[in-house]
Protein backbone atom coordinates (compact mmCIF):
# COMPACT_ATOMS: atom_id res chain seq x y z
CA VAL A 1 19.02 7.95 73.83
CA ASP A 2 20.80 10.26 71.34
CA LYS A 3 22.89 7.36 70.11
CA GLN A 4 19.81 5.22 69.54
CA ARG A 5 18.07 8.05 67.64
CA ARG A 6 21.14 8.50 65.41
CA LEU A 7 21.18 4.75 64.62
CA GLU A 8 17.44 4.75 63.78
CA ALA A 9 17.87 7.82 61.53
CA ALA A 10 20.86 6.24 59.73
CA GLU A 11 18.91 2.99 59.21
CA ALA A 12 15.87 4.88 57.89
CA ALA A 13 18.10 6.81 55.49
CA LYS A 14 19.63 3.54 54.20
CA THR A 15 16.24 2.00 53.44
CA ALA A 16 14.92 5.22 51.84
CA ARG A 17 17.99 5.71 49.59
CA PRO A 18 17.85 3.47 46.41
CA SER A 19 20.88 1.44 45.42
CA ARG A 20 22.84 2.45 42.32
CA ARG A 21 22.13 -0.90 40.70
CA GLY A 22 18.39 -0.62 41.23
CA VAL A 23 18.25 -3.01 44.21
CA GLY A 24 15.43 -2.06 46.56
CA GLY A 25 15.45 -1.96 50.30
CA ASP A 26 14.13 -5.53 50.53
CA GLY A 27 16.99 -6.86 48.36
CA GLY A 28 14.78 -7.40 45.28
CA VAL A 29 15.93 -6.23 41.89
CA GLY A 30 14.18 -3.23 40.41
CA GLY A 31 13.19 -1.45 43.58
CA SER A 32 10.05 0.65 43.82
CA PRO A 33 8.24 2.02 40.72
CA ALA A 34 9.54 5.49 41.54
CA THR A 35 13.14 4.30 41.28
CA SER A 36 12.71 2.33 38.02
CA ARG A 37 14.57 3.50 34.90
CA LYS A 38 13.05 6.11 32.59
CA LYS A 39 11.96 5.21 29.04
CA THR A 40 14.64 5.75 26.43
CA VAL A 41 14.02 7.86 23.34
CA ALA A 42 14.30 4.77 21.13
CA LYS A 43 11.74 2.86 23.22
CA SER A 44 9.19 5.73 23.18
CA PHE A 45 9.73 6.19 19.41
CA SER A 46 9.20 2.47 18.82
CA GLU A 47 5.97 2.49 20.86
CA SER A 48 4.57 5.56 19.09
CA LEU A 49 5.47 4.05 15.69
CA GLY A 50 3.68 0.83 16.63
CA THR A 51 0.58 2.81 17.65
CA LEU A 52 0.67 4.76 14.37
CA MET A 53 0.94 1.55 12.32
CA GLU A 54 -2.06 0.06 14.15
CA ARG A 55 -4.10 3.17 13.36
CA LEU A 56 -3.08 3.09 9.70
CA LYS A 57 -4.04 -0.59 9.38
CA GLY A 58 -7.54 0.23 10.61
CA THR A 59 -8.10 2.97 8.01
CA GLU A 60 -8.98 3.01 4.31
CA HIS A 61 -6.19 4.45 2.17
CA HIS A 62 -6.78 7.51 0.01
CA TYR A 63 -3.81 8.96 -1.83
CA ILE A 64 -3.47 12.64 -2.70
CA ARG A 65 -1.39 13.60 -5.70
CA CYS A 66 0.47 16.87 -5.14
CA LEU A 67 1.57 18.91 -8.17
CA LYS A 68 3.96 21.84 -8.41
CA PRO A 69 2.42 24.87 -10.16
CA ASN A 70 5.82 26.06 -11.44
CA GLN A 71 9.56 25.46 -11.31
CA THR A 72 10.42 28.95 -10.12
CA LEU A 73 8.92 28.34 -6.63
CA SER A 74 7.23 31.74 -6.72
CA ALA A 75 3.62 32.54 -5.80
CA GLY A 76 1.11 33.35 -8.53
CA ASP A 77 3.19 31.75 -11.31
CA TRP A 78 1.06 29.06 -13.01
CA ASP A 79 2.81 26.96 -15.71
CA ALA A 80 0.00 25.05 -17.49
CA GLU A 81 2.32 22.96 -19.67
CA PHE A 82 4.40 21.92 -16.65
CA MET A 83 1.23 20.91 -14.77
CA LEU A 84 -0.05 18.88 -17.75
CA ARG A 85 3.28 17.02 -17.97
CA GLN A 86 3.05 16.11 -14.28
CA LEU A 87 -0.51 14.82 -14.72
CA ALA A 88 0.50 12.75 -17.75
CA TYR A 89 3.59 11.23 -16.11
CA SER A 90 1.76 10.40 -12.86
CA GLY A 91 -0.99 8.49 -14.69
CA ALA A 92 -3.75 10.79 -13.42
CA LEU A 93 -5.07 11.45 -16.95
CA GLU A 94 -5.43 7.71 -17.66
CA VAL A 95 -7.31 7.22 -14.39
CA THR A 96 -9.65 10.08 -15.35
CA GLN A 97 -10.32 8.50 -18.77
CA ILE A 98 -11.07 5.15 -17.14
CA ARG A 99 -13.46 6.83 -14.70
CA LYS A 100 -15.18 8.66 -17.57
CA ALA A 101 -15.62 5.36 -19.40
CA GLY A 102 -17.54 4.15 -16.35
CA LEU A 103 -15.22 1.24 -15.51
CA ASN A 104 -15.76 1.51 -11.77
CA VAL A 105 -15.36 -2.15 -10.73
CA ARG A 106 -11.70 -2.78 -9.92
CA ARG A 107 -9.99 -6.08 -9.15
CA PRO A 108 -6.31 -6.85 -8.47
CA LEU A 109 -4.90 -8.34 -11.66
CA LYS A 110 -3.00 -11.21 -10.02
CA HIS A 111 -6.01 -12.31 -7.95
CA PHE A 112 -8.33 -12.14 -10.99
CA TYR A 113 -6.01 -14.20 -13.19
CA GLN A 114 -5.37 -16.85 -10.50
CA ARG A 115 -9.11 -17.21 -9.84
CA TYR A 116 -10.42 -17.33 -13.43
CA LYS A 117 -7.62 -19.00 -15.42
CA ILE A 118 -9.43 -22.30 -14.80
CA CYS A 119 -12.19 -21.00 -17.13
CA ALA A 120 -9.88 -20.87 -20.16
CA ASN A 121 -10.79 -23.14 -23.09
CA ASP A 122 -7.11 -23.56 -23.99
CA PRO A 123 -4.81 -22.97 -20.96
CA THR A 124 -1.69 -23.51 -23.09
CA ALA A 125 -2.57 -20.42 -25.15
CA LEU A 126 -2.23 -18.23 -22.03
CA ARG A 127 1.56 -18.44 -22.04
CA ALA A 128 2.61 -14.81 -22.38
CA GLY A 129 5.45 -12.75 -20.93
CA THR A 130 3.49 -10.51 -18.59
CA LEU A 131 0.49 -10.91 -16.35
CA THR A 132 -1.26 -8.13 -18.27
CA LYS A 133 -0.93 -10.02 -21.57
CA ARG A 134 -2.06 -13.31 -19.99
CA THR A 135 -5.16 -11.62 -18.56
CA GLU A 136 -5.99 -10.05 -21.94
CA LEU A 137 -5.68 -13.48 -23.63
CA LEU A 138 -7.91 -15.02 -20.96
CA LEU A 139 -10.62 -12.39 -21.40
CA ARG A 140 -10.53 -12.85 -25.20
CA GLN A 141 -10.92 -16.62 -24.79
CA LEU A 142 -13.92 -16.03 -22.55
CA SER A 143 -15.45 -13.73 -25.20
CA VAL A 144 -15.76 -10.74 -22.86
CA ASN A 145 -16.62 -7.57 -24.82
CA GLU A 146 -13.49 -5.39 -25.11
CA ASP A 147 -15.52 -2.23 -24.43
CA THR A 148 -16.45 -3.52 -20.95
CA TYR A 149 -12.94 -3.81 -19.51
CA ARG A 150 -9.45 -2.31 -19.41
CA VAL A 151 -6.35 -4.17 -18.22
CA GLY A 152 -3.84 -2.09 -16.26
CA LYS A 153 -0.46 -3.03 -14.79
CA THR A 154 -1.84 -4.09 -11.41
CA LEU A 155 -5.62 -3.68 -11.69
CA LEU A 156 -8.42 -4.88 -13.95
CA PHE A 157 -11.18 -2.32 -14.56
CA LEU A 158 -14.66 -3.65 -15.37
CA LEU A 159 -17.84 -1.92 -16.48
CA SER A 160 -20.06 -3.83 -14.01
CA SER A 161 -20.01 -6.66 -11.50
CA GLU A 162 -22.29 -8.70 -13.81
CA ILE A 163 -19.17 -9.71 -15.77
CA LEU A 164 -17.72 -11.23 -12.59
CA GLU A 165 -20.99 -13.03 -11.89
CA GLN A 166 -20.95 -14.58 -15.39
CA LEU A 167 -17.32 -15.63 -14.95
CA ASP A 168 -18.15 -17.16 -11.54
CA GLU A 169 -20.86 -19.29 -13.20
CA ILE A 170 -18.36 -20.51 -15.83
CA ARG A 171 -15.83 -21.19 -13.07
CA GLU A 172 -18.30 -23.32 -11.09
CA LEU A 173 -19.08 -25.42 -14.18
CA ARG A 174 -15.36 -25.91 -14.85
CA VAL A 175 -14.65 -26.92 -11.25
CA VAL A 176 -17.47 -29.51 -11.36
CA GLU A 177 -16.12 -30.77 -14.69
CA TYR A 178 -12.60 -31.22 -13.27
CA VAL A 179 -13.95 -32.92 -10.12
CA ILE A 180 -15.90 -35.43 -12.27
CA ARG A 181 -12.74 -36.12 -14.30
CA LEU A 182 -10.71 -36.74 -11.13
CA GLN A 183 -13.38 -39.02 -9.68
CA SER A 184 -13.58 -41.05 -12.90
CA PHE A 185 -9.77 -41.34 -12.96
CA PHE A 186 -9.60 -42.66 -9.37
CA ARG A 187 -12.47 -45.09 -10.02
CA MET A 188 -10.71 -46.33 -13.14
CA PHE A 189 -7.47 -46.72 -11.18
CA GLU A 190 -9.23 -48.77 -8.46
CA ASP A 191 -10.78 -51.08 -11.10
CA TYR A 192 -7.40 -51.38 -12.82
CA ARG A 193 -5.72 -52.42 -9.56
CA ARG A 194 -8.42 -54.99 -8.78
CA TYR A 195 -8.14 -56.46 -12.28
CA HIS A 196 -4.33 -56.82 -12.05
CA ILE A 197 -4.39 -58.22 -8.50
CA ALA A 198 -7.00 -60.82 -9.53
């Protein structure tokens, strides 16, 4: 009886004790959830970074410009000239001037140029070195009042969305015009082929 009890206890201990390689009592790899490996630091960091990125994608970005009040790093010391230099170099003064002018409608420069370059009367005249210059030439060709817009490095600032509505109307007319030209070309080509085959 004692011998049988010892054998049962030894067998129970074998099944309860996990294998070093993570093989469970039933021979399957991985064993029970309790005996599975812990998360590594890299894995937990990667998961938390992924969660943070998902949260950031779902938000609207607002940037805060931080300025140093002095170069001495001491409290109560306010260097006005140093602060003004920081504002000028960061472009904050230009943004303020644009806001004061009331140019509140903003569009990405590349997107604007790609969308409305079809409206140009002379597309060959838009050949300039930078996207900023090309956009300025386009707006001049379209006779947009220079007081109603400002062209930045990456953004176009407009006085109102009515300018975009007018440009959209011109764009629609140009698209229809080009479609009619293409249709007439293909019709002409079909007639030309029929004539030569006959």
